[in-house]
Amino acid sequence: MGRDDWYRRTTWSKSDQVEFFERLDRSRGLYNKSQYARIQASYLQGAGHIRESLDLLNRVYQEWPDASQLPSAYWQEANCHLALNDLNSAICAYRKCFKAEKDSGFRRMTNARVEFLWLVATRHLREHYDEALEESDKWEHPSLFPVDQFRIAGALALIYDDIGREGKIAELAATALDAASKTGSGLRYHKGLGLVTNPDRKIIRKLKRLATQ
């Protein structure tokens, strides 16, 4: 096992857990313990061990709650709940993420606001429209990646159309479609990073209709 592999496991057997927590106990400081446990939770999530990931994130909150790690941990939690199709818990986790960012003065925001806006728009969660729009206004750093440009502009177009808001619906829809059509990220060394892959065809058709209004 490599030097960093001990907190990047994609299996979670009894022996994996024993080895992981033994190494974690030897780690120095709250920050390191919190970061290692959060990263391990993300690898478990990626490997499909969703409930195990949630269990480990709960331990982060209870035992190693370093302020710098909490926004990302709550963001990961939201995605775990979405994988389990638990929308209410996912929304609660997003809210905790937003609060943790504010409380910690987190300079590098997570992508939670983009994902929350997209979730609310595409699932037609009308009771959360105002909240999603308010949170999207706090996004300070326009994303470089086409997938985020697609989601932000597309979500705004869908919500504005649904509430009958006058304005830039056609322009937003066109911006989203342009982002979805991009074949390069614009980054010199990571040209394939952050592209729109396998978009929902129903949403694409809706955006095409909105772009021509």
Protein backbone atom coordinates (compact mmCIF):
# COMPACT_ATOMS: atom_id res chain seq x y z
CA MET A 1 0.00 0.00 0.00
CA GLY A 2 1.34 3.41 -0.98
CA ARG A 3 1.96 6.19 1.48
CA ASP A 4 -1.45 7.81 0.90
CA ASP A 5 -3.46 4.73 -0.06
CA TRP A 6 -4.50 4.01 3.51
CA TYR A 7 -7.14 6.78 3.39
CA ARG A 8 -8.14 6.18 -0.25
CA ARG A 9 -9.61 2.69 0.08
CA THR A 10 -12.41 1.53 -2.19
CA THR A 11 -13.20 -1.48 0.01
CA TRP A 12 -14.36 -1.36 3.62
CA SER A 13 -13.93 -4.81 5.12
CA LYS A 14 -13.32 -5.32 8.82
CA SER A 15 -9.59 -5.43 8.22
CA ASP A 16 -9.79 -2.26 6.09
CA GLN A 17 -11.52 -0.47 8.93
CA VAL A 18 -9.09 -1.69 11.57
CA GLU A 19 -6.08 -0.61 9.49
CA PHE A 20 -7.63 2.73 8.62
CA PHE A 21 -8.54 3.71 12.17
CA GLU A 22 -5.18 2.56 13.50
CA ARG A 23 -3.45 4.87 11.04
CA LEU A 24 -5.94 7.65 11.74
CA ASP A 25 -5.28 7.39 15.49
CA ARG A 26 -1.58 7.94 14.81
CA SER A 27 -2.29 11.05 12.74
CA ARG A 28 -1.49 14.34 14.41
CA GLY A 29 -3.99 17.11 14.88
CA LEU A 30 -7.69 17.61 14.31
CA TYR A 31 -7.19 18.97 10.80
CA ASN A 32 -5.33 15.89 9.55
CA LYS A 33 -7.76 13.44 11.13
CA SER A 34 -10.75 15.32 9.71
CA GLN A 35 -9.24 15.58 6.23
CA TYR A 36 -8.14 11.94 6.04
CA ALA A 37 -11.53 10.68 7.21
CA ARG A 38 -13.40 12.96 4.79
CA ILE A 39 -11.25 11.88 1.85
CA GLN A 40 -11.75 8.24 2.77
CA ALA A 41 -15.51 8.84 2.88
CA SER A 42 -15.34 10.30 -0.65
CA TYR A 43 -13.56 7.18 -1.94
CA LEU A 44 -16.16 4.94 -0.33
CA GLN A 45 -18.90 7.02 -1.92
CA GLY A 46 -17.24 6.75 -5.32
CA ALA A 47 -17.02 2.98 -4.91
CA GLY A 48 -20.74 2.74 -4.15
CA HIS A 49 -20.43 2.24 -0.39
CA ILE A 50 -22.89 5.04 0.29
CA ARG A 51 -24.07 4.17 3.79
CA GLU A 52 -20.52 3.43 4.90
CA SER A 53 -19.52 6.84 3.59
CA LEU A 54 -22.34 8.49 5.54
CA ASP A 55 -21.30 6.66 8.70
CA LEU A 56 -17.74 7.92 8.35
CA LEU A 57 -18.90 11.48 7.64
CA ASN A 58 -20.99 11.38 10.81
CA ARG A 59 -17.86 10.47 12.72
CA VAL A 60 -16.11 13.46 11.15
CA TYR A 61 -18.83 15.73 12.54
CA GLN A 62 -18.77 14.13 15.96
CA GLU A 63 -15.08 13.35 16.53
CA TRP A 64 -12.96 15.45 14.13
CA PRO A 65 -15.06 18.52 13.22
CA ASP A 66 -12.36 20.74 11.73
CA ALA A 67 -14.01 23.87 10.33
CA SER A 68 -12.02 23.77 7.09
CA GLN A 69 -13.32 20.29 6.26
CA LEU A 70 -16.98 20.64 7.19
CA PRO A 71 -18.22 22.41 4.03
CA SER A 72 -16.82 19.65 1.80
CA ALA A 73 -18.03 16.96 4.19
CA TYR A 74 -21.62 18.27 4.13
CA TRP A 75 -21.41 18.59 0.32
CA GLN A 76 -20.33 14.94 0.13
CA GLU A 77 -23.17 14.02 2.49
CA ALA A 78 -25.69 15.72 0.20
CA ASN A 79 -24.48 13.67 -2.76
CA CYS A 80 -24.70 10.47 -0.71
CA HIS A 81 -28.33 11.22 0.12
CA LEU A 82 -29.05 11.94 -3.54
CA ALA A 83 -27.56 8.55 -4.42
CA LEU A 84 -30.10 7.05 -2.00
CA ASN A 85 -32.86 9.23 -3.54
CA ASP A 86 -33.42 10.96 -0.19
CA LEU A 87 -34.13 14.51 -1.35
CA ASN A 88 -35.08 15.93 2.03
CA SER A 89 -31.86 14.78 3.67
CA ALA A 90 -29.84 16.01 0.69
CA ILE A 91 -31.38 19.48 0.95
CA CYS A 92 -30.66 19.57 4.69
CA ALA A 93 -27.03 18.65 3.99
CA TYR A 94 -26.74 21.38 1.35
CA ARG A 95 -28.01 23.90 3.89
CA LYS A 96 -25.47 22.71 6.43
CA CYS A 97 -22.78 23.11 3.78
CA PHE A 98 -23.80 26.71 3.06
CA LYS A 99 -23.78 27.53 6.77
CA ALA A 100 -20.43 25.84 7.32
CA GLU A 101 -18.91 27.87 4.47
CA LYS A 102 -20.19 31.06 6.04
CA ASP A 103 -19.10 30.14 9.56
CA SER A 104 -15.60 29.14 8.51
CA GLY A 105 -15.00 32.01 6.12
CA PHE A 106 -14.37 29.35 3.48
CA ARG A 107 -12.61 31.13 0.62
CA ARG A 108 -12.88 28.31 -1.87
CA MET A 109 -16.57 27.55 -2.12
CA THR A 110 -17.69 24.03 -2.85
CA ASN A 111 -19.86 23.34 -5.87
CA ALA A 112 -22.87 22.76 -3.62
CA ARG A 113 -24.74 25.89 -4.74
CA VAL A 114 -24.53 24.90 -8.40
CA GLU A 115 -25.73 21.38 -7.62
CA PHE A 116 -28.53 22.65 -5.35
CA LEU A 117 -29.77 25.07 -8.00
CA TRP A 118 -29.70 22.32 -10.63
CA LEU A 119 -31.49 19.86 -8.36
CA VAL A 120 -34.26 22.31 -7.52
CA ALA A 121 -34.75 23.35 -11.15
CA THR A 122 -34.73 19.89 -12.73
CA ARG A 123 -36.86 18.26 -10.04
CA HIS A 124 -39.35 21.17 -10.12
CA LEU A 125 -39.02 21.72 -6.36
CA ARG A 126 -40.99 24.95 -6.50
CA GLU A 127 -41.05 25.41 -2.74
CA HIS A 128 -37.26 25.78 -2.87
CA TYR A 129 -36.99 28.13 -5.86
CA ASP A 130 -36.48 31.28 -3.79
CA GLU A 131 -33.86 29.64 -1.60
CA ALA A 132 -31.96 28.24 -4.59
CA LEU A 133 -31.96 31.60 -6.37
CA GLU A 134 -30.82 33.38 -3.22
CA GLU A 135 -27.94 30.94 -2.73
CA SER A 136 -26.94 31.16 -6.40
CA ASP A 137 -26.52 34.92 -5.99
CA LYS A 138 -23.78 34.21 -3.43
CA TRP A 139 -21.66 32.33 -5.97
CA GLU A 140 -18.61 34.59 -6.23
CA HIS A 141 -16.39 32.72 -8.68
CA PRO A 142 -17.81 31.93 -12.14
CA SER A 143 -16.91 28.38 -13.02
CA LEU A 144 -14.44 27.62 -15.76
CA PHE A 145 -16.04 24.28 -16.51
CA PRO A 146 -18.71 23.86 -19.19
CA VAL A 147 -20.76 21.51 -17.02
CA ASP A 148 -21.21 24.20 -14.36
CA GLN A 149 -21.94 26.87 -16.95
CA PHE A 150 -24.56 24.53 -18.39
CA ARG A 151 -26.15 23.82 -15.02
CA ILE A 152 -26.23 27.43 -13.80
CA ALA A 153 -27.62 28.97 -16.99
CA GLY A 154 -29.91 26.01 -17.66
CA ALA A 155 -31.32 25.95 -14.14
CA LEU A 156 -32.02 29.69 -14.17
CA ALA A 157 -33.75 29.41 -17.54
CA LEU A 158 -35.94 26.55 -16.30
CA ILE A 159 -36.89 28.29 -13.05
CA TYR A 160 -37.58 31.66 -14.67
CA ASP A 161 -39.76 29.99 -17.28
CA ASP A 162 -41.67 28.05 -14.62
CA ILE A 163 -42.44 31.14 -12.52
CA GLY A 164 -43.26 33.27 -15.57
CA ARG A 165 -40.44 35.72 -15.00
CA GLU A 166 -39.74 38.10 -17.85
CA GLY A 167 -36.21 38.65 -19.02
CA LYS A 168 -33.23 36.68 -20.22
CA ILE A 169 -34.75 33.20 -20.48
CA ALA A 170 -33.83 32.73 -24.15
CA GLU A 171 -30.31 34.07 -23.55
CA LEU A 172 -29.79 31.79 -20.54
CA ALA A 173 -31.07 28.76 -22.44
CA ALA A 174 -28.75 29.53 -25.35
CA THR A 175 -25.81 29.90 -22.96
CA ALA A 176 -26.60 26.51 -21.43
CA LEU A 177 -26.82 24.84 -24.84
CA ASP A 178 -23.54 26.41 -25.92
CA ALA A 179 -21.84 25.06 -22.78
CA ALA A 180 -23.32 21.61 -23.40
CA SER A 181 -21.87 21.57 -26.93
CA LYS A 182 -18.30 22.36 -25.90
CA THR A 183 -15.71 19.67 -26.59
CA GLY A 184 -12.92 21.22 -24.57
CA SER A 185 -12.63 22.75 -21.11
CA GLY A 186 -10.39 25.58 -22.24
CA LEU A 187 -7.65 24.38 -19.90
CA ARG A 188 -4.31 23.69 -21.55
CA TYR A 189 -3.49 20.44 -19.79
CA HIS A 190 -6.98 19.19 -18.88
CA LYS A 191 -8.96 19.72 -22.06
CA GLY A 192 -11.49 16.98 -21.28
CA LEU A 193 -12.20 18.08 -17.72
CA GLY A 194 -15.62 19.36 -16.69
CA LEU A 195 -17.48 18.71 -19.96
CA VAL A 196 -21.20 17.98 -20.20
CA THR A 197 -21.64 14.25 -20.75
CA ASN A 198 -24.90 12.40 -21.40
CA PRO A 199 -27.24 15.31 -20.63
CA ASP A 200 -30.91 14.59 -20.05
CA ARG A 201 -32.47 14.78 -23.51
CA LYS A 202 -35.76 16.11 -22.14
CA ILE A 203 -33.94 19.03 -20.54
CA ILE A 204 -31.99 19.69 -23.74
CA ARG A 205 -35.23 19.76 -25.74
CA LYS A 206 -36.78 22.15 -23.22
CA LEU A 207 -33.78 24.47 -23.38
CA LYS A 208 -33.87 24.43 -27.17
CA ARG A 209 -37.51 25.50 -27.07
CA LEU A 210 -36.76 28.25 -24.57
CA ALA A 211 -33.80 29.49 -26.61
CA THR A 212 -36.04 30.19 -29.58
CA GLN A 213 -38.76 32.10 -27.72
